[in-house]
C-alpha atoms as a PDB file:
ATOM      1  CA  UNK A   1      20.085   6.550  -2.770  1.00  0.00           C
ATOM      2  CA  UNK A   2      18.818   9.038  -5.313  1.00  0.00           C
ATOM      3  CA  UNK A   3      15.106   8.775  -6.107  1.00  0.00           C
ATOM      4  CA  UNK A   4      14.576   8.897  -9.895  1.00  0.00           C
ATOM      5  CA  UNK A   5      11.045  10.195  -9.564  1.00  0.00           C
ATOM      6  CA  UNK A   6      10.840  13.917 -10.368  1.00  0.00           C
ATOM      7  CA  UNK A   7      10.839  16.374  -7.512  1.00  0.00           C
ATOM      8  CA  UNK A   8      10.289  20.107  -7.372  1.00  0.00           C
ATOM      9  CA  UNK A   9      11.489  22.921  -5.201  1.00  0.00           C
ATOM     10  CA  UNK A  10       8.699  24.130  -2.971  1.00  0.00           C
ATOM     11  CA  UNK A  11       9.421  27.821  -3.482  1.00  0.00           C
ATOM     12  CA  UNK A  12      11.060  28.321  -0.091  1.00  0.00           C
ATOM     13  CA  UNK A  13      14.601  27.912  -1.392  1.00  0.00           C
ATOM     14  CA  UNK A  14      16.608  25.306  -3.209  1.00  0.00           C
ATOM     15  CA  UNK A  15      17.317  23.200  -0.120  1.00  0.00           C
ATOM     16  CA  UNK A  16      13.703  22.176   0.476  1.00  0.00           C
ATOM     17  CA  UNK A  17      12.534  19.648  -2.118  1.00  0.00           C
ATOM     18  CA  UNK A  18       9.075  18.195  -2.685  1.00  0.00           C
ATOM     19  CA  UNK A  19       8.231  14.807  -4.217  1.00  0.00           C
ATOM     20  CA  UNK A  20       4.784  14.346  -5.833  1.00  0.00           C
ATOM     21  CA  UNK A  21       4.393  10.777  -4.572  1.00  0.00           C
ATOM     22  CA  UNK A  22       4.438  11.894  -0.925  1.00  0.00           C
ATOM     23  CA  UNK A  23       1.111  13.662  -1.287  1.00  0.00           C
ATOM     24  CA  UNK A  24      -0.366  10.448  -2.715  1.00  0.00           C
ATOM     25  CA  UNK A  25       0.957   7.896  -0.248  1.00  0.00           C
ATOM     26  CA  UNK A  26       1.626   9.650   3.072  1.00  0.00           C
ATOM     27  CA  UNK A  27      -1.899   9.227   4.433  1.00  0.00           C
ATOM     28  CA  UNK A  28      -2.337   5.555   3.384  1.00  0.00           C
ATOM     29  CA  UNK A  29       1.059   4.730   4.895  1.00  0.00           C
ATOM     30  CA  UNK A  30       0.130   6.562   8.085  1.00  0.00           C
ATOM     31  CA  UNK A  31      -2.985   4.414   8.460  1.00  0.00           C
ATOM     32  CA  UNK A  32      -0.868   1.256   8.313  1.00  0.00           C
ATOM     33  CA  UNK A  33       1.648   2.693  10.764  1.00  0.00           C
ATOM     34  CA  UNK A  34      -1.157   3.374  13.253  1.00  0.00           C
ATOM     35  CA  UNK A  35      -1.569  -0.382  13.517  1.00  0.00           C
ATOM     36  CA  UNK A  36       2.087  -1.308  13.990  1.00  0.00           C
ATOM     37  CA  UNK A  37       4.135   1.474  15.587  1.00  0.00           C
ATOM     38  CA  UNK A  38       4.858   1.302  19.322  1.00  0.00           C
ATOM     39  CA  UNK A  39       3.280   3.596  21.901  1.00  0.00           C
ATOM     40  CA  UNK A  40       6.614   5.280  22.629  1.00  0.00           C
ATOM     41  CA  UNK A  41      10.239   5.232  21.567  1.00  0.00           C
ATOM     42  CA  UNK A  42      12.540   6.084  18.672  1.00  0.00           C
ATOM     43  CA  UNK A  43      11.523   5.546  15.053  1.00  0.00           C
ATOM     44  CA  UNK A  44      14.469   5.424  12.647  1.00  0.00           C
ATOM     45  CA  UNK A  45      13.723   6.310   9.029  1.00  0.00           C
ATOM     46  CA  UNK A  46      16.161   4.995   6.421  1.00  0.00           C
ATOM     47  CA  UNK A  47      16.497   6.896   3.115  1.00  0.00           C
ATOM     48  CA  UNK A  48      14.332   9.860   4.124  1.00  0.00           C
ATOM     49  CA  UNK A  49      14.595  11.534   0.723  1.00  0.00           C
ATOM     50  CA  UNK A  50      12.989  14.969   0.679  1.00  0.00           C
ATOM     51  CA  UNK A  51      12.026  14.727   4.368  1.00  0.00           C
ATOM     52  CA  UNK A  52       8.306  15.164   3.770  1.00  0.00           C
ATOM     53  CA  UNK A  53       7.409  11.698   5.023  1.00  0.00           C
ATOM     54  CA  UNK A  54       9.370  12.191   8.235  1.00  0.00           C
ATOM     55  CA  UNK A  55       7.596  15.481   8.911  1.00  0.00           C
ATOM     56  CA  UNK A  56       4.180  13.975   8.121  1.00  0.00           C
ATOM     57  CA  UNK A  57       4.726  11.012  10.453  1.00  0.00           C
ATOM     58  CA  UNK A  58       6.154  13.151  13.254  1.00  0.00           C
ATOM     59  CA  UNK A  59       3.007  15.250  13.191  1.00  0.00           C
ATOM     60  CA  UNK A  60       0.763  12.173  13.061  1.00  0.00           C
ATOM     61  CA  UNK A  61       2.532  10.431  15.977  1.00  0.00           C
ATOM     62  CA  UNK A  62       3.539  13.110  18.497  1.00  0.00           C
ATOM     63  CA  UNK A  63       4.240  10.449  21.144  1.00  0.00           C
ATOM     64  CA  UNK A  64       7.143   9.051  19.097  1.00  0.00           C
ATOM     65  CA  UNK A  65      10.598  10.462  18.356  1.00  0.00           C
ATOM     66  CA  UNK A  66      11.607  10.345  14.671  1.00  0.00           C
ATOM     67  CA  UNK A  67      15.190  10.159  13.429  1.00  0.00           C
ATOM     68  CA  UNK A  68      15.467  10.811   9.655  1.00  0.00           C
ATOM     69  CA  UNK A  69      18.553   9.701   7.735  1.00  0.00           C
ATOM     70  CA  UNK A  70      19.889   9.579   4.195  1.00  0.00           C
ATOM     71  CA  UNK A  71      23.134   8.848   2.365  1.00  0.00           C
ATOM     72  CA  UNK A  72      22.698  11.824   0.016  1.00  0.00           C
ATOM     73  CA  UNK A  73      23.884  15.229   1.314  1.00  0.00           C
ATOM     74  CA  UNK A  74      21.320  16.990  -0.900  1.00  0.00           C
ATOM     75  CA  UNK A  75      18.542  14.933   0.689  1.00  0.00           C
ATOM     76  CA  UNK A  76      19.855  15.704   4.173  1.00  0.00           C
ATOM     77  CA  UNK A  77      19.702  19.420   3.427  1.00  0.00           C
ATOM     78  CA  UNK A  78      16.107  19.051   2.245  1.00  0.00           C
ATOM     79  CA  UNK A  79      15.109  17.129   5.370  1.00  0.00           C
ATOM     80  CA  UNK A  80      16.674  19.767   7.589  1.00  0.00           C
ATOM     81  CA  UNK A  81      15.005  22.569   5.630  1.00  0.00           C
ATOM     82  CA  UNK A  82      11.561  21.002   6.135  1.00  0.00           C
ATOM     83  CA  UNK A  83      12.332  20.347   9.802  1.00  0.00           C
ATOM     84  CA  UNK A  84      13.438  23.887  10.604  1.00  0.00           C
ATOM     85  CA  UNK A  85      10.702  25.577   8.575  1.00  0.00           C
ATOM     86  CA  UNK A  86       7.682  23.474   9.525  1.00  0.00           C
ATOM     87  CA  UNK A  87       9.056  20.833  11.844  1.00  0.00           C
ATOM     88  CA  UNK A  88       7.458  19.063  14.760  1.00  0.00           C
ATOM     89  CA  UNK A  89       9.272  19.040  18.129  1.00  0.00           C
ATOM     90  CA  UNK A  90       9.631  15.250  17.941  1.00  0.00           C
ATOM     91  CA  UNK A  91      11.484  15.335  14.596  1.00  0.00           C
ATOM     92  CA  UNK A  92      15.245  15.154  15.117  1.00  0.00           C
ATOM     93  CA  UNK A  93      17.891  16.660  12.874  1.00  0.00           C
ATOM     94  CA  UNK A  94      18.796  14.285  10.022  1.00  0.00           C
ATOM     95  CA  UNK A  95      22.030  12.310  10.111  1.00  0.00           C
ATOM     96  CA  UNK A  96      23.976  10.656   7.279  1.00  0.00           C
ATOM     97  CA  UNK A  97      23.417   6.912   6.990  1.00  0.00           C
ATOM     98  CA  UNK A  98      24.180   4.494   4.160  1.00  0.00           C
ATOM     99  CA  UNK A  99      21.807   1.527   4.273  1.00  0.00           C
ATOM    100  CA  UNK A 100      24.405  -0.665   2.568  1.00  0.00           C
ATOM    101  CA  UNK A 101      26.841  -0.197   5.490  1.00  0.00           C
ATOM    102  CA  UNK A 102      24.903  -1.331   8.588  1.00  0.00           C
ATOM    103  CA  UNK A 103      28.070  -1.755  10.656  1.00  0.00           C
ATOM    104  CA  UNK A 104      28.638   1.999  10.354  1.00  0.00           C
ATOM    105  CA  UNK A 105      25.154   3.274  11.148  1.00  0.00           C
ATOM    106  CA  UNK A 106      25.337   6.232  13.584  1.00  0.00           C
ATOM    107  CA  UNK A 107      22.586   4.865  15.851  1.00  0.00           C
ATOM    108  CA  UNK A 108      22.694   2.074  18.402  1.00  0.00           C
ATOM    109  CA  UNK A 109      19.014   1.233  18.851  1.00  0.00           C
ATOM    110  CA  UNK A 110      15.545   1.794  17.428  1.00  0.00           C
ATOM    111  CA  UNK A 111      12.067   0.834  18.559  1.00  0.00           C
ATOM    112  CA  UNK A 112      10.830   0.808  14.958  1.00  0.00           C
ATOM    113  CA  UNK A 113      12.418   1.324  11.539  1.00  0.00           C
ATOM    114  CA  UNK A 114      10.783   2.757   8.412  1.00  0.00           C
ATOM    115  CA  UNK A 115      12.039   2.543   4.834  1.00  0.00           C
ATOM    116  CA  UNK A 116       9.928   3.957   2.020  1.00  0.00           C
ATOM    117  CA  UNK A 117      10.676   3.666  -1.698  1.00  0.00           C
ATOM    118  CA  UNK A 118      14.302   2.604  -1.316  1.00  0.00           C
ATOM    119  CA  UNK A 119      14.363  -1.119  -2.048  1.00  0.00           C
ATOM    120  CA  UNK A 120      13.607  -0.766  -5.756  1.00  0.00           C
ATOM    121  CA  UNK A 121      15.662   2.422  -6.202  1.00  0.00           C
ATOM    122  CA  UNK A 122      18.980   1.096  -4.906  1.00  0.00           C
ATOM    123  CA  UNK A 123      21.308  -1.876  -5.387  1.00  0.00           C
ATOM    124  CA  UNK A 124      20.324  -5.136  -3.689  1.00  0.00           C
ATOM    125  CA  UNK A 125      23.225  -4.557  -1.267  1.00  0.00           C
ATOM    126  CA  UNK A 126      21.261  -1.657   0.238  1.00  0.00           C
ATOM    127  CA  UNK A 127      18.310  -3.932   1.014  1.00  0.00           C
ATOM    128  CA  UNK A 128      20.596  -6.536   2.564  1.00  0.00           C
ATOM    129  CA  UNK A 129      22.197  -3.800   4.656  1.00  0.00           C
ATOM    130  CA  UNK A 130      18.797  -2.477   5.712  1.00  0.00           C
ATOM    131  CA  UNK A 131      17.750  -5.916   6.909  1.00  0.00           C
ATOM    132  CA  UNK A 132      21.030  -6.588   8.690  1.00  0.00           C
ATOM    133  CA  UNK A 133      20.895  -3.213  10.422  1.00  0.00           C
ATOM    134  CA  UNK A 134      17.283  -3.729  11.454  1.00  0.00           C
ATOM    135  CA  UNK A 135      18.113  -7.151  12.821  1.00  0.00           C
ATOM    136  CA  UNK A 136      20.840  -5.623  14.978  1.00  0.00           C
ATOM    137  CA  UNK A 137      19.005  -2.540  16.230  1.00  0.00           C
ATOM    138  CA  UNK A 138      15.478  -3.780  16.888  1.00  0.00           C
ATOM    139  CA  UNK A 139      14.482  -5.423  20.121  1.00  0.00           C
ATOM    140  CA  UNK A 140      12.204  -8.445  20.305  1.00  0.00           C
ATOM    141  CA  UNK A 141       8.901  -7.579  18.619  1.00  0.00           C
ATOM    142  CA  UNK A 142      10.290  -4.384  17.081  1.00  0.00           C
ATOM    143  CA  UNK A 143       8.842  -3.390  13.697  1.00  0.00           C
ATOM    144  CA  UNK A 144      10.550  -2.887  10.363  1.00  0.00           C
ATOM    145  CA  UNK A 145       8.124  -1.276   7.901  1.00  0.00           C
ATOM    146  CA  UNK A 146       9.105  -1.321   4.221  1.00  0.00           C
ATOM    147  CA  UNK A 147       6.993   0.293   1.486  1.00  0.00           C
ATOM    148  CA  UNK A 148       7.282   0.299  -2.278  1.00  0.00           C
ATOM    149  CA  UNK A 149       6.624  -1.512  -5.536  1.00  0.00           C
ATOM    150  CA  UNK A 150       7.444  -5.237  -5.622  1.00  0.00           C
ATOM    151  CA  UNK A 151       7.026  -8.392  -7.632  1.00  0.00           C
ATOM    152  CA  UNK A 152       5.409 -11.554  -6.228  1.00  0.00           C
ATOM    153  CA  UNK A 153       6.002 -14.997  -7.658  1.00  0.00           C
ATOM    154  CA  UNK A 154       2.851 -16.419  -9.166  1.00  0.00           C
ATOM    155  CA  UNK A 155       1.215 -12.975  -9.325  1.00  0.00           C
ATOM    156  CA  UNK A 156       1.067 -11.081 -12.607  1.00  0.00           C
ATOM    157  CA  UNK A 157       2.619  -7.646 -12.266  1.00  0.00           C
ATOM    158  CA  UNK A 158       0.572  -4.588 -13.162  1.00  0.00           C
ATOM    159  CA  UNK A 159       1.561  -3.047 -16.516  1.00  0.00           C
ATOM    160  CA  UNK A 160       2.483   0.186 -14.732  1.00  0.00           C
ATOM    161  CA  UNK A 161       4.868  -1.719 -12.452  1.00  0.00           C
ATOM    162  CA  UNK A 162       6.432  -3.483 -15.439  1.00  0.00           C
ATOM    163  CA  UNK A 163       7.032  -0.121 -17.100  1.00  0.00           C
ATOM    164  CA  UNK A 164       8.411   1.300 -13.853  1.00  0.00           C
ATOM    165  CA  UNK A 165      10.795  -1.637 -13.526  1.00  0.00           C
ATOM    166  CA  UNK A 166      12.121  -1.082 -17.058  1.00  0.00           C
ATOM    167  CA  UNK A 167      12.617   2.627 -16.415  1.00  0.00           C
ATOM    168  CA  UNK A 168      14.534   1.907 -13.217  1.00  0.00           C
ATOM    169  CA  UNK A 169      16.847  -0.576 -14.921  1.00  0.00           C
ATOM    170  CA  UNK A 170      17.430   1.882 -17.750  1.00  0.00           C
ATOM    171  CA  UNK A 171      18.696   4.352 -15.170  1.00  0.00           C
ATOM    172  CA  UNK A 172      20.778   1.806 -13.265  1.00  0.00           C
ATOM    173  CA  UNK A 173      20.993  -1.958 -13.981  1.00  0.00           C
ATOM    174  CA  UNK A 174      21.304  -2.612 -10.230  1.00  0.00           C
ATOM    175  CA  UNK A 175      17.905  -1.054  -9.540  1.00  0.00           C
ATOM    176  CA  UNK A 176      14.514  -2.645 -10.127  1.00  0.00           C
ATOM    177  CA  UNK A 177      11.487  -4.221  -8.469  1.00  0.00           C
ATOM    178  CA  UNK A 178      12.433  -7.009  -6.056  1.00  0.00           C
ATOM    179  CA  UNK A 179      10.478 -10.160  -5.365  1.00  0.00           C
ATOM    180  CA  UNK A 180       8.730 -10.089  -2.011  1.00  0.00           C
ATOM    181  CA  UNK A 181       9.835 -13.661  -1.454  1.00  0.00           C
ATOM    182  CA  UNK A 182      13.509 -12.707  -1.812  1.00  0.00           C
ATOM    183  CA  UNK A 183      13.149  -9.858   0.665  1.00  0.00           C
ATOM    184  CA  UNK A 184      11.351 -12.128   3.145  1.00  0.00           C
ATOM    185  CA  UNK A 185      14.067 -14.789   2.857  1.00  0.00           C
ATOM    186  CA  UNK A 186      16.838 -12.241   3.398  1.00  0.00           C
ATOM    187  CA  UNK A 187      14.958 -10.764   6.361  1.00  0.00           C
ATOM    188  CA  UNK A 188      14.583 -14.191   7.920  1.00  0.00           C
ATOM    189  CA  UNK A 189      18.347 -14.617   7.883  1.00  0.00           C
ATOM    190  CA  UNK A 190      18.572 -11.496  10.080  1.00  0.00           C
ATOM    191  CA  UNK A 191      15.975 -12.633  12.610  1.00  0.00           C
ATOM    192  CA  UNK A 192      13.082 -10.700  11.063  1.00  0.00           C
ATOM    193  CA  UNK A 193       9.779 -12.453  10.380  1.00  0.00           C
ATOM    194  CA  UNK A 194       7.134 -11.211   7.963  1.00  0.00           C
ATOM    195  CA  UNK A 195       4.139 -10.166  10.046  1.00  0.00           C
ATOM    196  CA  UNK A 196       1.838  -8.735   7.360  1.00  0.00           C
ATOM    197  CA  UNK A 197       1.553  -7.656   3.729  1.00  0.00           C
ATOM    198  CA  UNK A 198      -0.911  -4.919   2.846  1.00  0.00           C
ATOM    199  CA  UNK A 199      -1.886  -3.818  -0.642  1.00  0.00           C
ATOM    200  CA  UNK A 200      -1.520  -0.079  -1.111  1.00  0.00           C
ATOM    201  CA  UNK A 201      -2.638   2.423  -3.773  1.00  0.00           C
ATOM    202  CA  UNK A 202      -0.929   2.466  -7.189  1.00  0.00           C
ATOM    203  CA  UNK A 203       0.110  -1.210  -6.966  1.00  0.00           C
ATOM    204  CA  UNK A 204       2.470  -0.721  -4.021  1.00  0.00           C
ATOM    205  CA  UNK A 205       2.837  -2.946  -0.983  1.00  0.00           C
ATOM    206  CA  UNK A 206       3.480  -2.455   2.707  1.00  0.00           C
ATOM    207  CA  UNK A 207       5.678  -5.167   4.222  1.00  0.00           C
ATOM    208  CA  UNK A 208       5.670  -5.399   8.017  1.00  0.00           C
ATOM    209  CA  UNK A 209       8.437  -7.391   9.700  1.00  0.00           C
ATOM    210  CA  UNK A 210       8.978  -8.054  13.390  1.00  0.00           C
ATOM    211  CA  UNK A 211      12.128  -9.026  15.240  1.00  0.00           C
ATOM    212  CA  UNK A 212      11.776 -12.629  16.306  1.00  0.00           C
ATOM    213  CA  UNK A 213      12.443 -14.077  19.729  1.00  0.00           C
ATOM    214  CA  UNK A 214      15.937 -15.630  19.589  1.00  0.00           C
ATOM    215  CA  UNK A 215      15.739 -19.399  19.429  1.00  0.00           C
ATOM    216  CA  UNK A 216      17.110 -21.323  22.362  1.00  0.00           C
ATOM    217  CA  UNK A 217      20.395 -23.185  21.804  1.00  0.00           C
END
């Protein structure tokens, strides 16, 4: 899913891209992840974009193995360029993955799943696929962490978020800020329960889901 926010080349070649928002949100996201990621295992990142988040998290959590993915070949090249130039030993080579096609994901398990700034910059089908895939791959208690800008029913949206929503829909009518309540309901259908909501800088939210214990028949 192509991110409409501007990015720049970092000067090391056209493959390696840099997104301004990563410098603003990587550290706050890392602080939330310190509270929810497991002590060991594989962390699957959906829609890795430039690859800067994956590299940042791999360095911050050397005890975890990170698998970046994206549906966009240009993004995959950027992720690989960051990995080979400045990568951490626990950052795997990126693989193609379309969030909207969870039955075709090239992974068979994950101990945690991350998805940053995809839900509002993709069709709703991508979010449904993300949740279905997470429900299939995560074990009991496994974490799905989703970050981005959202709406909440009964809560007035910040003017900047309203403007962002309009700009997204101008680019693609299928994009736009989703209601937290709709994401939570769709997650529940896949066996994922909302564990926490944290307010983040610039009117963003962190949503933390956990795989529920299957109910007895």
